[in-house]
């Protein structure tokens, strides 16, 4: 993930708002669907039936696990979700990049539908279509709070609250409303799914990032060892025979070449994310990490 420039991201501040590409596309897509309904071109009943997610129809209409996020039940429903996407999504896309941001957005929205499906299957959720981007939006709010926990959010431009507390409060309300069986027409399990799946995804992503940082540190130490130790660091270095020394030099050169390749792959991950690696490049990193662990176990 890229380092954020400034508290709100590049070009985004109290007096200089801008839309990032994927936030703009998502707002446009949701608005277009709403306008088609508002203009009378397509009825909300038709949109809900064909694009809304209904747990009992999930296996026959699998596309609705995505399309339900683009249908909203009314203007206020759309307005709230798009405002939250604008306020929280721009900073995230600016930090993560467009591909990572839209992937996370989709994962949280799909997670909302899947959790709804799970609780419908055990009789805790009614079999009605759910619509709206709220599951994805809750995930976006969570990610913002986890990246900028102490950032102040102004409720109605009057009451300041830190992002971490706002998400905790909304999460608690969603949790108790979902399990209390509230019949307020709100898809609480979809909201909760966005939060839960978003948290698991971010936790895993940060664990991968920490592992990569650890690998970088070990590589730096290993590179110093190869450069400083030369032939002494390879197998057979203690032997006084010419063949053993030649073999040791060969191993040191091979190790140095591998380190160069790994360095380039880690730089690629830093710039474009883990998903930018090809299958061959991932396999190379996995093989190298296994080799390093095996070497460590042998030496200790």
C-alpha atoms as a PDB file:
ATOM      1  CA  UNK A   1       0.000   0.000   0.000  1.00  0.00           C
ATOM      2  CA  UNK A   2       1.272   3.508  -0.764  1.00  0.00           C
ATOM      3  CA  UNK A   3       2.147   5.935   2.001  1.00  0.00           C
ATOM      4  CA  UNK A   4      -0.464   8.627   2.400  1.00  0.00           C
ATOM      5  CA  UNK A   5       0.615  12.188   1.674  1.00  0.00           C
ATOM      6  CA  UNK A   6      -1.101  14.470   4.121  1.00  0.00           C
ATOM      7  CA  UNK A   7      -3.832  13.741   6.629  1.00  0.00           C
ATOM      8  CA  UNK A   8      -6.580  13.360   4.065  1.00  0.00           C
ATOM      9  CA  UNK A   9      -4.524  12.164   1.104  1.00  0.00           C
ATOM     10  CA  UNK A  10      -3.099  14.048  -1.850  1.00  0.00           C
ATOM     11  CA  UNK A  11      -5.267  16.959  -2.960  1.00  0.00           C
ATOM     12  CA  UNK A  12      -7.941  16.311  -0.345  1.00  0.00           C
ATOM     13  CA  UNK A  13      -8.406  18.697   2.526  1.00  0.00           C
ATOM     14  CA  UNK A  14     -10.869  20.943   4.340  1.00  0.00           C
ATOM     15  CA  UNK A  15     -10.986  23.424   1.438  1.00  0.00           C
ATOM     16  CA  UNK A  16      -9.865  21.277  -1.499  1.00  0.00           C
ATOM     17  CA  UNK A  17     -12.127  18.278  -1.953  1.00  0.00           C
ATOM     18  CA  UNK A  18     -11.668  16.028  -4.955  1.00  0.00           C
ATOM     19  CA  UNK A  19     -12.925  12.660  -6.110  1.00  0.00           C
ATOM     20  CA  UNK A  20     -10.571   9.754  -6.667  1.00  0.00           C
ATOM     21  CA  UNK A  21     -11.285   7.603  -9.769  1.00  0.00           C
ATOM     22  CA  UNK A  22     -13.034   4.612  -8.211  1.00  0.00           C
ATOM     23  CA  UNK A  23     -14.994   6.623  -5.672  1.00  0.00           C
ATOM     24  CA  UNK A  24     -16.231   8.744  -8.593  1.00  0.00           C
ATOM     25  CA  UNK A  25     -17.172   5.677 -10.665  1.00  0.00           C
ATOM     26  CA  UNK A  26     -19.043   4.072  -7.789  1.00  0.00           C
ATOM     27  CA  UNK A  27     -20.990   7.262  -7.036  1.00  0.00           C
ATOM     28  CA  UNK A  28     -21.884   7.657 -10.726  1.00  0.00           C
ATOM     29  CA  UNK A  29     -22.984   4.002 -11.066  1.00  0.00           C
ATOM     30  CA  UNK A  30     -25.193   4.161  -7.970  1.00  0.00           C
ATOM     31  CA  UNK A  31     -26.658   7.509  -9.012  1.00  0.00           C
ATOM     32  CA  UNK A  32     -27.446   6.293 -12.552  1.00  0.00           C
ATOM     33  CA  UNK A  33     -29.375   3.284 -11.216  1.00  0.00           C
ATOM     34  CA  UNK A  34     -31.291   5.543  -8.828  1.00  0.00           C
ATOM     35  CA  UNK A  35     -32.139   8.022 -11.612  1.00  0.00           C
ATOM     36  CA  UNK A  36     -33.444   5.203 -13.811  1.00  0.00           C
ATOM     37  CA  UNK A  37     -35.817   4.327 -10.991  1.00  0.00           C
ATOM     38  CA  UNK A  38     -36.686   7.932 -10.129  1.00  0.00           C
ATOM     39  CA  UNK A  39     -37.440   8.782 -13.757  1.00  0.00           C
ATOM     40  CA  UNK A  40     -39.844   5.850 -14.017  1.00  0.00           C
ATOM     41  CA  UNK A  41     -37.747   4.023 -16.605  1.00  0.00           C
ATOM     42  CA  UNK A  42     -37.329   1.070 -14.227  1.00  0.00           C
ATOM     43  CA  UNK A  43     -39.433   0.417 -11.147  1.00  0.00           C
ATOM     44  CA  UNK A  44     -37.939  -0.221  -7.732  1.00  0.00           C
ATOM     45  CA  UNK A  45     -39.871  -3.505  -7.579  1.00  0.00           C
ATOM     46  CA  UNK A  46     -38.164  -4.687 -10.785  1.00  0.00           C
ATOM     47  CA  UNK A  47     -34.719  -3.589  -9.533  1.00  0.00           C
ATOM     48  CA  UNK A  48     -35.249  -5.311  -6.178  1.00  0.00           C
ATOM     49  CA  UNK A  49     -36.502  -8.508  -7.823  1.00  0.00           C
ATOM     50  CA  UNK A  50     -33.744  -8.796 -10.419  1.00  0.00           C
ATOM     51  CA  UNK A  51     -30.751  -6.982  -8.880  1.00  0.00           C
ATOM     52  CA  UNK A  52     -31.501  -7.097  -5.150  1.00  0.00           C
ATOM     53  CA  UNK A  53     -30.042  -9.937  -3.097  1.00  0.00           C
ATOM     54  CA  UNK A  54     -32.566 -12.457  -1.797  1.00  0.00           C
ATOM     55  CA  UNK A  55     -31.112 -15.289   0.278  1.00  0.00           C
ATOM     56  CA  UNK A  56     -33.558 -17.929  -0.970  1.00  0.00           C
ATOM     57  CA  UNK A  57     -32.718 -17.069  -4.599  1.00  0.00           C
ATOM     58  CA  UNK A  58     -28.949 -16.717  -4.142  1.00  0.00           C
ATOM     59  CA  UNK A  59     -28.094 -19.962  -5.939  1.00  0.00           C
ATOM     60  CA  UNK A  60     -30.352 -19.202  -8.911  1.00  0.00           C
ATOM     61  CA  UNK A  61     -29.304 -15.539  -9.167  1.00  0.00           C
ATOM     62  CA  UNK A  62     -25.656 -15.430  -8.044  1.00  0.00           C
ATOM     63  CA  UNK A  63     -24.999 -12.053  -9.704  1.00  0.00           C
ATOM     64  CA  UNK A  64     -27.184 -10.353  -7.102  1.00  0.00           C
ATOM     65  CA  UNK A  65     -24.420 -10.814  -4.518  1.00  0.00           C
ATOM     66  CA  UNK A  66     -22.779  -7.857  -6.321  1.00  0.00           C
ATOM     67  CA  UNK A  67     -25.633  -6.007  -8.043  1.00  0.00           C
ATOM     68  CA  UNK A  68     -27.602  -5.436  -4.822  1.00  0.00           C
ATOM     69  CA  UNK A  69     -24.962  -2.865  -3.847  1.00  0.00           C
ATOM     70  CA  UNK A  70     -26.053  -0.564  -6.688  1.00  0.00           C
ATOM     71  CA  UNK A  71     -29.774  -0.433  -5.877  1.00  0.00           C
ATOM     72  CA  UNK A  72     -31.141   1.935  -3.219  1.00  0.00           C
ATOM     73  CA  UNK A  73     -34.584   2.144  -1.711  1.00  0.00           C
ATOM     74  CA  UNK A  74     -34.857   5.929  -1.766  1.00  0.00           C
ATOM     75  CA  UNK A  75     -33.040   9.233  -2.101  1.00  0.00           C
ATOM     76  CA  UNK A  76     -31.954   9.445   1.560  1.00  0.00           C
ATOM     77  CA  UNK A  77     -30.655   5.868   1.447  1.00  0.00           C
ATOM     78  CA  UNK A  78     -28.531   6.734  -1.603  1.00  0.00           C
ATOM     79  CA  UNK A  79     -27.456  10.119  -0.218  1.00  0.00           C
ATOM     80  CA  UNK A  80     -26.204   8.712   3.090  1.00  0.00           C
ATOM     81  CA  UNK A  81     -24.218   5.903   1.463  1.00  0.00           C
ATOM     82  CA  UNK A  82     -22.647   8.124  -1.198  1.00  0.00           C
ATOM     83  CA  UNK A  83     -21.715  10.796   1.348  1.00  0.00           C
ATOM     84  CA  UNK A  84     -20.015   8.173   3.500  1.00  0.00           C
ATOM     85  CA  UNK A  85     -18.246   6.781   0.431  1.00  0.00           C
ATOM     86  CA  UNK A  86     -17.038  10.293  -0.427  1.00  0.00           C
ATOM     87  CA  UNK A  87     -15.909  11.263   3.068  1.00  0.00           C
ATOM     88  CA  UNK A  88     -14.138   8.000   3.912  1.00  0.00           C
ATOM     89  CA  UNK A  89     -13.384   6.381   0.567  1.00  0.00           C
ATOM     90  CA  UNK A  90     -11.281   9.130  -1.028  1.00  0.00           C
ATOM     91  CA  UNK A  91      -8.555   8.975   1.616  1.00  0.00           C
ATOM     92  CA  UNK A  92      -8.479   5.168   1.439  1.00  0.00           C
ATOM     93  CA  UNK A  93      -8.228   5.035  -2.349  1.00  0.00           C
ATOM     94  CA  UNK A  94      -5.506   7.667  -2.254  1.00  0.00           C
ATOM     95  CA  UNK A  95      -3.491   5.601   0.209  1.00  0.00           C
ATOM     96  CA  UNK A  96      -4.141   2.124  -1.200  1.00  0.00           C
ATOM     97  CA  UNK A  97      -4.536   2.768  -4.904  1.00  0.00           C
ATOM     98  CA  UNK A  98      -7.655   2.175  -6.997  1.00  0.00           C
ATOM     99  CA  UNK A  99      -7.373  -1.574  -7.516  1.00  0.00           C
ATOM    100  CA  UNK A 100      -6.888  -2.396  -3.843  1.00  0.00           C
ATOM    101  CA  UNK A 101      -9.644  -0.005  -2.811  1.00  0.00           C
ATOM    102  CA  UNK A 102     -12.318  -1.320  -5.190  1.00  0.00           C
ATOM    103  CA  UNK A 103     -11.377  -4.913  -4.330  1.00  0.00           C
ATOM    104  CA  UNK A 104     -11.837  -4.197  -0.630  1.00  0.00           C
ATOM    105  CA  UNK A 105     -15.136  -2.384  -1.312  1.00  0.00           C
ATOM    106  CA  UNK A 106     -16.461  -5.381  -3.262  1.00  0.00           C
ATOM    107  CA  UNK A 107     -15.269  -7.894  -0.645  1.00  0.00           C
ATOM    108  CA  UNK A 108     -17.083  -6.024   2.141  1.00  0.00           C
ATOM    109  CA  UNK A 109     -20.280  -5.747   0.087  1.00  0.00           C
ATOM    110  CA  UNK A 110     -20.182  -9.444  -0.797  1.00  0.00           C
ATOM    111  CA  UNK A 111     -19.461 -10.226   2.858  1.00  0.00           C
ATOM    112  CA  UNK A 112     -22.650  -8.393   3.815  1.00  0.00           C
ATOM    113  CA  UNK A 113     -24.696 -10.557   1.454  1.00  0.00           C
ATOM    114  CA  UNK A 114     -23.038 -13.771   2.630  1.00  0.00           C
ATOM    115  CA  UNK A 115     -23.659 -13.045   6.317  1.00  0.00           C
ATOM    116  CA  UNK A 116     -27.292 -12.325   5.459  1.00  0.00           C
ATOM    117  CA  UNK A 117     -27.440 -15.694   3.690  1.00  0.00           C
ATOM    118  CA  UNK A 118     -25.944 -17.471   6.720  1.00  0.00           C
ATOM    119  CA  UNK A 119     -28.437 -16.003   9.191  1.00  0.00           C
ATOM    120  CA  UNK A 120     -31.374 -16.513   6.834  1.00  0.00           C
ATOM    121  CA  UNK A 121     -30.423 -20.204   6.637  1.00  0.00           C
ATOM    122  CA  UNK A 122     -30.725 -20.534  10.429  1.00  0.00           C
ATOM    123  CA  UNK A 123     -33.979 -18.572  10.580  1.00  0.00           C
ATOM    124  CA  UNK A 124     -32.603 -15.330  11.998  1.00  0.00           C
ATOM    125  CA  UNK A 125     -33.208 -13.181   8.916  1.00  0.00           C
ATOM    126  CA  UNK A 126     -36.459 -12.818   6.911  1.00  0.00           C
ATOM    127  CA  UNK A 127     -36.502 -13.875   3.263  1.00  0.00           C
ATOM    128  CA  UNK A 128     -36.786 -10.429   1.679  1.00  0.00           C
ATOM    129  CA  UNK A 129     -34.585  -8.711  -0.928  1.00  0.00           C
ATOM    130  CA  UNK A 130     -31.845  -6.508   0.453  1.00  0.00           C
ATOM    131  CA  UNK A 131     -30.528  -3.514  -1.488  1.00  0.00           C
ATOM    132  CA  UNK A 132     -27.946  -0.796  -0.967  1.00  0.00           C
ATOM    133  CA  UNK A 133     -24.205  -0.298  -0.609  1.00  0.00           C
ATOM    134  CA  UNK A 134     -24.325  -0.084   3.196  1.00  0.00           C
ATOM    135  CA  UNK A 135     -22.371  -3.313   3.802  1.00  0.00           C
ATOM    136  CA  UNK A 136     -19.508  -2.051   1.634  1.00  0.00           C
ATOM    137  CA  UNK A 137     -19.762   1.427   3.188  1.00  0.00           C
ATOM    138  CA  UNK A 138     -19.511   0.029   6.723  1.00  0.00           C
ATOM    139  CA  UNK A 139     -16.370  -1.787   5.636  1.00  0.00           C
ATOM    140  CA  UNK A 140     -14.946   1.445   4.211  1.00  0.00           C
ATOM    141  CA  UNK A 141     -15.691   3.310   7.446  1.00  0.00           C
ATOM    142  CA  UNK A 142     -13.972   0.554   9.427  1.00  0.00           C
ATOM    143  CA  UNK A 143     -10.867   0.724   7.217  1.00  0.00           C
ATOM    144  CA  UNK A 144     -10.730   4.497   7.604  1.00  0.00           C
ATOM    145  CA  UNK A 145     -10.976   4.204  11.391  1.00  0.00           C
ATOM    146  CA  UNK A 146      -8.241   1.554  11.470  1.00  0.00           C
ATOM    147  CA  UNK A 147      -5.930   3.755   9.380  1.00  0.00           C
ATOM    148  CA  UNK A 148      -6.762   7.100  11.025  1.00  0.00           C
ATOM    149  CA  UNK A 149      -8.308   6.178  14.396  1.00  0.00           C
ATOM    150  CA  UNK A 150      -7.937   9.632  15.949  1.00  0.00           C
ATOM    151  CA  UNK A 151      -9.203  11.610  12.960  1.00  0.00           C
ATOM    152  CA  UNK A 152     -12.109  13.829  14.010  1.00  0.00           C
ATOM    153  CA  UNK A 153     -15.479  13.286  12.345  1.00  0.00           C
ATOM    154  CA  UNK A 154     -18.003  16.104  12.733  1.00  0.00           C
ATOM    155  CA  UNK A 155     -21.574  14.856  13.210  1.00  0.00           C
ATOM    156  CA  UNK A 156     -23.959  17.329  11.554  1.00  0.00           C
ATOM    157  CA  UNK A 157     -20.962  19.703  11.471  1.00  0.00           C
ATOM    158  CA  UNK A 158     -21.502  20.295  15.226  1.00  0.00           C
ATOM    159  CA  UNK A 159     -20.360  17.332  17.323  1.00  0.00           C
ATOM    160  CA  UNK A 160     -16.757  16.073  16.899  1.00  0.00           C
ATOM    161  CA  UNK A 161     -15.988  12.414  17.474  1.00  0.00           C
ATOM    162  CA  UNK A 162     -12.907  10.353  16.753  1.00  0.00           C
ATOM    163  CA  UNK A 163     -13.248   7.905  13.863  1.00  0.00           C
ATOM    164  CA  UNK A 164     -12.490   4.866  16.063  1.00  0.00           C
ATOM    165  CA  UNK A 165     -15.301   5.739  18.490  1.00  0.00           C
ATOM    166  CA  UNK A 166     -17.776   6.472  15.703  1.00  0.00           C
ATOM    167  CA  UNK A 167     -17.203   3.053  14.132  1.00  0.00           C
ATOM    168  CA  UNK A 168     -17.361   1.329  17.539  1.00  0.00           C
ATOM    169  CA  UNK A 169     -20.714   2.982  18.270  1.00  0.00           C
ATOM    170  CA  UNK A 170     -22.151   2.183  14.828  1.00  0.00           C
ATOM    171  CA  UNK A 171     -20.826  -1.379  15.084  1.00  0.00           C
ATOM    172  CA  UNK A 172     -22.425  -1.876  18.497  1.00  0.00           C
ATOM    173  CA  UNK A 173     -25.775  -0.496  17.296  1.00  0.00           C
ATOM    174  CA  UNK A 174     -25.637  -2.755  14.231  1.00  0.00           C
ATOM    175  CA  UNK A 175     -24.736  -5.831  16.292  1.00  0.00           C
ATOM    176  CA  UNK A 176     -27.505  -5.425  18.853  1.00  0.00           C
ATOM    177  CA  UNK A 177     -30.085  -4.436  16.226  1.00  0.00           C
ATOM    178  CA  UNK A 178     -29.236  -7.531  14.160  1.00  0.00           C
ATOM    179  CA  UNK A 179     -29.512 -10.003  17.035  1.00  0.00           C
ATOM    180  CA  UNK A 180     -32.417  -8.213  18.705  1.00  0.00           C
ATOM    181  CA  UNK A 181     -34.528  -8.962  15.645  1.00  0.00           C
ATOM    182  CA  UNK A 182     -35.279  -5.301  14.936  1.00  0.00           C
ATOM    183  CA  UNK A 183     -38.000  -5.007  12.256  1.00  0.00           C
ATOM    184  CA  UNK A 184     -37.064  -1.532  11.031  1.00  0.00           C
ATOM    185  CA  UNK A 185     -36.534  -2.443   7.371  1.00  0.00           C
ATOM    186  CA  UNK A 186     -32.748  -2.132   7.684  1.00  0.00           C
ATOM    187  CA  UNK A 187     -30.458  -4.982   6.605  1.00  0.00           C
ATOM    188  CA  UNK A 188     -28.430  -5.086   9.831  1.00  0.00           C
ATOM    189  CA  UNK A 189     -26.726  -8.389   9.010  1.00  0.00           C
ATOM    190  CA  UNK A 190     -25.469  -6.896   5.726  1.00  0.00           C
ATOM    191  CA  UNK A 191     -23.967  -3.989   7.675  1.00  0.00           C
ATOM    192  CA  UNK A 192     -22.478  -6.376  10.209  1.00  0.00           C
ATOM    193  CA  UNK A 193     -21.100  -8.570   7.415  1.00  0.00           C
ATOM    194  CA  UNK A 194     -19.297  -5.607   5.886  1.00  0.00           C
ATOM    195  CA  UNK A 195     -17.684  -4.832   9.243  1.00  0.00           C
ATOM    196  CA  UNK A 196     -16.686  -8.412  10.069  1.00  0.00           C
ATOM    197  CA  UNK A 197     -15.339  -9.313   6.631  1.00  0.00           C
ATOM    198  CA  UNK A 198     -13.561  -5.959   6.374  1.00  0.00           C
ATOM    199  CA  UNK A 199     -11.871  -6.482   9.738  1.00  0.00           C
ATOM    200  CA  UNK A 200     -10.726 -10.023   8.876  1.00  0.00           C
ATOM    201  CA  UNK A 201      -9.436  -8.895   5.486  1.00  0.00           C
ATOM    202  CA  UNK A 202      -7.497  -5.936   6.910  1.00  0.00           C
ATOM    203  CA  UNK A 203      -6.067  -8.029   9.731  1.00  0.00           C
ATOM    204  CA  UNK A 204      -4.821 -10.615   7.257  1.00  0.00           C
ATOM    205  CA  UNK A 205      -3.439  -7.944   4.920  1.00  0.00           C
ATOM    206  CA  UNK A 206      -1.509  -6.345   7.769  1.00  0.00           C
ATOM    207  CA  UNK A 207      -0.129  -9.725   8.829  1.00  0.00           C
ATOM    208  CA  UNK A 208       1.129 -10.259   5.262  1.00  0.00           C
ATOM    209  CA  UNK A 209       2.626  -6.751   5.283  1.00  0.00           C
ATOM    210  CA  UNK A 210       4.381  -7.472   8.598  1.00  0.00           C
ATOM    211  CA  UNK A 211       5.745 -10.758   7.205  1.00  0.00           C
ATOM    212  CA  UNK A 212       7.085  -8.932   4.140  1.00  0.00           C
ATOM    213  CA  UNK A 213       8.743  -6.306   6.339  1.00  0.00           C
ATOM    214  CA  UNK A 214      10.350  -9.096   8.376  1.00  0.00           C
ATOM    215  CA  UNK A 215      11.575 -10.728   5.164  1.00  0.00           C
ATOM    216  CA  UNK A 216      13.086  -7.416   4.054  1.00  0.00           C
ATOM    217  CA  UNK A 217      15.015  -7.101   7.325  1.00  0.00           C
ATOM    218  CA  UNK A 218      16.306 -10.664   7.057  1.00  0.00           C
ATOM    219  CA  UNK A 219      17.302 -10.020   3.447  1.00  0.00           C
ATOM    220  CA  UNK A 220      19.288  -6.955   4.420  1.00  0.00           C
ATOM    221  CA  UNK A 221      21.161  -8.945   7.055  1.00  0.00           C
ATOM    222  CA  UNK A 222      21.692 -11.816   4.650  1.00  0.00           C
ATOM    223  CA  UNK A 223      22.980  -9.459   1.926  1.00  0.00           C
ATOM    224  CA  UNK A 224      25.524  -7.994   4.340  1.00  0.00           C
ATOM    225  CA  UNK A 225      26.595 -11.515   5.289  1.00  0.00           C
ATOM    226  CA  UNK A 226      27.030 -12.563   1.638  1.00  0.00           C
ATOM    227  CA  UNK A 227      28.966  -9.425   0.709  1.00  0.00           C
ATOM    228  CA  UNK A 228      31.134  -9.320   3.807  1.00  0.00           C
ATOM    229  CA  UNK A 229      31.682 -13.034   4.240  1.00  0.00           C
ATOM    230  CA  UNK A 230      32.000 -13.997   0.593  1.00  0.00           C
ATOM    231  CA  UNK A 231      33.197 -17.576   0.306  1.00  0.00           C
ATOM    232  CA  UNK A 232      33.298 -18.023   4.075  1.00  0.00           C
ATOM    233  CA  UNK A 233      29.494 -18.007   4.307  1.00  0.00           C
ATOM    234  CA  UNK A 234      28.880 -20.908   1.879  1.00  0.00           C
ATOM    235  CA  UNK A 235      29.034 -24.672   2.327  1.00  0.00           C
ATOM    236  CA  UNK A 236      32.531 -26.082   2.600  1.00  0.00           C
ATOM    237  CA  UNK A 237      34.073 -22.663   3.358  1.00  0.00           C
ATOM    238  CA  UNK A 238      36.094 -24.106   6.213  1.00  0.00           C
ATOM    239  CA  UNK A 239      37.768 -26.594   3.947  1.00  0.00           C
ATOM    240  CA  UNK A 240      41.200 -25.641   2.701  1.00  0.00           C
ATOM    241  CA  UNK A 241      40.701 -27.422  -0.605  1.00  0.00           C
ATOM    242  CA  UNK A 242      40.488 -25.353  -3.787  1.00  0.00           C
ATOM    243  CA  UNK A 243      37.319 -27.151  -4.937  1.00  0.00           C
ATOM    244  CA  UNK A 244      35.511 -26.356  -1.709  1.00  0.00           C
ATOM    245  CA  UNK A 245      36.435 -22.669  -1.972  1.00  0.00           C
ATOM    246  CA  UNK A 246      35.265 -22.564  -5.582  1.00  0.00           C
ATOM    247  CA  UNK A 247      31.958 -24.189  -4.594  1.00  0.00           C
ATOM    248  CA  UNK A 248      31.528 -21.699  -1.762  1.00  0.00           C
ATOM    249  CA  UNK A 249      32.075 -18.737  -4.114  1.00  0.00           C
ATOM    250  CA  UNK A 250      29.570 -20.219  -6.541  1.00  0.00           C
ATOM    251  CA  UNK A 251      26.965 -20.556  -3.767  1.00  0.00           C
ATOM    252  CA  UNK A 252      27.608 -16.975  -2.615  1.00  0.00           C
ATOM    253  CA  UNK A 253      27.100 -15.629  -6.147  1.00  0.00           C
ATOM    254  CA  UNK A 254      23.909 -17.662  -6.535  1.00  0.00           C
ATOM    255  CA  UNK A 255      22.593 -16.340  -3.216  1.00  0.00           C
ATOM    256  CA  UNK A 256      23.421 -12.758  -4.224  1.00  0.00           C
ATOM    257  CA  UNK A 257      21.500 -13.152  -7.498  1.00  0.00           C
ATOM    258  CA  UNK A 258      18.476 -14.530  -5.656  1.00  0.00           C
ATOM    259  CA  UNK A 259      18.598 -11.601  -3.252  1.00  0.00           C
ATOM    260  CA  UNK A 260      18.546  -9.189  -6.191  1.00  0.00           C
ATOM    261  CA  UNK A 261      15.425 -10.867  -7.591  1.00  0.00           C
ATOM    262  CA  UNK A 262      13.700 -10.872  -4.183  1.00  0.00           C
ATOM    263  CA  UNK A 263      14.542  -7.188  -3.679  1.00  0.00           C
ATOM    264  CA  UNK A 264      12.934  -6.319  -7.015  1.00  0.00           C
ATOM    265  CA  UNK A 265       9.803  -8.332  -6.172  1.00  0.00           C
ATOM    266  CA  UNK A 266       9.477  -6.626  -2.785  1.00  0.00           C
ATOM    267  CA  UNK A 267       9.813  -3.231  -4.462  1.00  0.00           C
ATOM    268  CA  UNK A 268       7.066  -4.265  -6.895  1.00  0.00           C
ATOM    269  CA  UNK A 269       4.810  -5.186  -3.952  1.00  0.00           C
ATOM    270  CA  UNK A 270       5.507  -1.815  -2.302  1.00  0.00           C
ATOM    271  CA  UNK A 271       4.576   0.102  -5.454  1.00  0.00           C
ATOM    272  CA  UNK A 272       1.688  -1.935  -6.851  1.00  0.00           C
ATOM    273  CA  UNK A 273       0.520  -4.307  -4.085  1.00  0.00           C
ATOM    274  CA  UNK A 274       0.740  -8.068  -3.568  1.00  0.00           C
ATOM    275  CA  UNK A 275      -1.768  -8.761  -6.355  1.00  0.00           C
ATOM    276  CA  UNK A 276       0.653  -7.349  -8.945  1.00  0.00           C
ATOM    277  CA  UNK A 277       2.853 -10.459  -8.653  1.00  0.00           C
ATOM    278  CA  UNK A 278       2.505 -13.215 -11.238  1.00  0.00           C
ATOM    279  CA  UNK A 279       2.025 -16.834 -10.141  1.00  0.00           C
ATOM    280  CA  UNK A 280       5.683 -17.530 -10.975  1.00  0.00           C
ATOM    281  CA  UNK A 281       6.854 -14.561  -8.895  1.00  0.00           C
ATOM    282  CA  UNK A 282       4.722 -15.635  -5.906  1.00  0.00           C
ATOM    283  CA  UNK A 283       6.083 -19.167  -6.200  1.00  0.00           C
ATOM    284  CA  UNK A 284       9.631 -17.810  -6.285  1.00  0.00           C
ATOM    285  CA  UNK A 285       9.053 -15.805  -3.082  1.00  0.00           C
ATOM    286  CA  UNK A 286       7.376 -18.776  -1.366  1.00  0.00           C
ATOM    287  CA  UNK A 287      10.243 -21.092  -2.343  1.00  0.00           C
ATOM    288  CA  UNK A 288      12.823 -18.597  -1.151  1.00  0.00           C
ATOM    289  CA  UNK A 289      10.999 -18.073   2.171  1.00  0.00           C
ATOM    290  CA  UNK A 290      10.855 -21.872   2.709  1.00  0.00           C
ATOM    291  CA  UNK A 291      14.569 -22.154   1.906  1.00  0.00           C
ATOM    292  CA  UNK A 292      15.399 -19.401   4.409  1.00  0.00           C
ATOM    293  CA  UNK A 293      13.303 -21.093   7.111  1.00  0.00           C
ATOM    294  CA  UNK A 294      15.009 -24.418   6.425  1.00  0.00           C
ATOM    295  CA  UNK A 295      18.454 -22.777   6.607  1.00  0.00           C
ATOM    296  CA  UNK A 296      17.485 -21.136   9.880  1.00  0.00           C
ATOM    297  CA  UNK A 297      16.326 -24.419  11.399  1.00  0.00           C
ATOM    298  CA  UNK A 298      19.538 -26.187  10.332  1.00  0.00           C
ATOM    299  CA  UNK A 299      21.736 -23.436  11.773  1.00  0.00           C
ATOM    300  CA  UNK A 300      19.920 -23.320  15.085  1.00  0.00           C
END
